[in-house]
Amino acid sequence: MVAEVVGDLSPFTVRFERIGRFPSVLYLAKPAEPFRRLTDDLASRFPDHPPYGGAFDVVIPHLTIAENAEAPLDAMAAEVAAALPIQRRVSNLEVLIQTADGRWHGHWRVPLGGRR
């Protein structure tokens, strides 16, 4: 079913140019599109499984660098900022699962553009 959602989305290049922060999270900010559209399409297809369990009214596309209130996030942000911009090709959707211990693990990958 996930493959049907991403089947028409062609691989694309993303450029990370800035760092963002949530209270205990450091992240690379993503350009909103096509991530927002992909998130909306998946949420529509799987309404019983909203992004982040429905905890947020607005989903901000991002790539988490660190999630830890005790981590030296300011120092980490300075190091990462020195390496920006970062550009990468996106050719797969990777599905992660969170286990009982709170850790995230790659579960499986779905290639973008698999249906043509």
Protein backbone atom coordinates (compact mmCIF):
# COMPACT_ATOMS: atom_id res chain seq x y z
CA MET A 1 0.00 0.00 0.00
CA VAL A 2 2.81 2.44 0.77
CA ALA A 3 4.32 1.58 -2.60
CA GLU A 4 1.11 2.79 -4.26
CA VAL A 5 1.47 6.18 -2.57
CA VAL A 6 5.11 6.70 -3.59
CA GLY A 7 4.86 4.96 -6.94
CA ASP A 8 4.22 8.16 -8.88
CA LEU A 9 6.78 10.28 -7.01
CA SER A 10 10.03 10.43 -8.96
CA PRO A 11 13.38 10.48 -7.17
CA PHE A 12 14.51 14.04 -6.39
CA THR A 13 17.38 16.02 -4.93
CA VAL A 14 17.06 17.78 -1.58
CA ARG A 15 19.30 20.58 -0.35
CA PHE A 16 19.58 21.24 3.38
CA GLU A 17 20.62 24.84 3.99
CA ARG A 18 19.67 25.53 7.59
CA ILE A 19 19.39 24.03 11.04
CA GLY A 20 16.23 24.09 13.12
CA ARG A 21 15.41 23.39 16.75
CA PHE A 22 12.55 21.99 18.75
CA PRO A 23 13.02 22.07 22.55
CA SER A 24 15.14 18.90 22.73
CA VAL A 25 15.68 18.26 19.01
CA LEU A 26 18.28 19.51 16.55
CA TYR A 27 17.37 19.02 12.90
CA LEU A 28 18.12 19.91 9.31
CA ALA A 29 15.22 21.84 7.85
CA LYS A 30 13.88 20.35 4.64
CA PRO A 31 12.26 22.26 1.85
CA ALA A 32 8.52 21.73 2.44
CA GLU A 33 7.81 20.18 -0.94
CA PRO A 34 7.68 17.32 -1.87
CA PHE A 35 7.88 16.13 1.76
CA ARG A 36 4.67 17.84 2.81
CA ARG A 37 2.78 16.35 -0.13
CA LEU A 38 4.17 12.90 0.61
CA THR A 39 3.21 13.21 4.29
CA ASP A 40 -0.30 14.37 3.36
CA ASP A 41 -0.71 11.55 0.83
CA LEU A 42 0.38 8.92 3.35
CA ALA A 43 -1.84 10.40 6.09
CA SER A 44 -4.81 10.34 3.70
CA ARG A 45 -4.11 6.74 2.74
CA PHE A 46 -3.65 5.64 6.38
CA PRO A 47 -5.98 7.87 8.44
CA ASP A 48 -5.71 5.62 11.50
CA HIS A 49 -1.97 6.36 11.63
CA PRO A 50 -1.47 10.14 11.49
CA PRO A 51 2.07 11.56 11.51
CA TYR A 52 3.53 11.56 15.02
CA GLY A 53 0.36 9.88 16.27
CA GLY A 54 -1.59 13.09 15.70
CA ALA A 55 0.35 14.93 18.41
CA PHE A 56 0.94 18.01 16.23
CA ASP A 57 -1.49 20.12 14.22
CA VAL A 58 1.28 21.14 11.82
CA VAL A 59 3.98 18.72 10.67
CA ILE A 60 7.31 20.41 9.94
CA PRO A 61 9.37 18.44 7.42
CA HIS A 62 12.80 17.85 8.92
CA LEU A 63 15.71 15.44 9.28
CA THR A 64 16.51 14.84 12.95
CA ILE A 65 20.19 15.11 13.87
CA ALA A 66 19.82 14.64 17.63
CA GLU A 67 16.95 14.19 20.05
CA ASN A 68 18.13 14.51 23.61
CA ALA A 69 17.50 17.28 26.14
CA GLU A 70 20.89 16.53 27.75
CA ALA A 71 22.91 16.74 24.51
CA PRO A 72 25.04 19.82 23.77
CA LEU A 73 22.68 20.86 20.96
CA ASP A 74 24.14 24.37 20.56
CA ALA A 75 27.65 23.01 20.04
CA MET A 76 26.34 20.34 17.69
CA ALA A 77 24.42 22.97 15.71
CA ALA A 78 27.60 25.01 15.24
CA GLU A 79 29.48 21.99 13.90
CA VAL A 80 26.70 21.02 11.52
CA ALA A 81 26.26 24.61 10.31
CA ALA A 82 29.89 24.61 9.18
CA ALA A 83 29.12 21.68 6.85
CA LEU A 84 26.06 23.27 5.19
CA PRO A 85 24.70 23.16 2.61
CA ILE A 86 24.25 19.42 2.27
CA GLN A 87 22.67 18.05 -0.87
CA ARG A 88 21.47 14.48 -1.39
CA ARG A 89 19.44 12.46 -3.84
CA VAL A 90 16.24 10.92 -2.44
CA SER A 91 15.30 7.71 -4.21
CA ASN A 92 13.59 5.68 -1.47
CA LEU A 93 11.10 6.10 1.31
CA GLU A 94 12.46 4.38 4.40
CA VAL A 95 9.86 3.15 6.86
CA LEU A 96 11.01 3.24 10.48
CA ILE A 97 9.41 1.61 13.49
CA GLN A 98 9.77 2.62 17.11
CA THR A 99 10.36 -0.32 19.42
CA ALA A 100 9.28 -0.66 23.05
CA ASP A 101 12.63 0.75 24.20
CA GLY A 102 11.90 4.01 22.34
CA ARG A 103 14.55 3.48 19.66
CA TRP A 104 13.85 3.83 15.93
CA HIS A 105 14.88 1.12 13.48
CA GLY A 106 14.73 0.86 9.70
CA HIS A 107 11.95 -1.57 8.84
CA TRP A 108 11.89 -1.51 5.03
CA ARG A 109 12.50 0.68 2.00
CA VAL A 110 10.17 1.55 -0.84
CA PRO A 111 11.69 2.92 -4.04
CA LEU A 112 10.27 6.18 -5.36
CA GLY A 113 8.87 6.06 -8.86
CA GLY A 114 8.29 2.33 -8.79
CA ARG A 115 5.04 2.67 -10.75
CA ARG A 116 5.40 4.17 -14.22
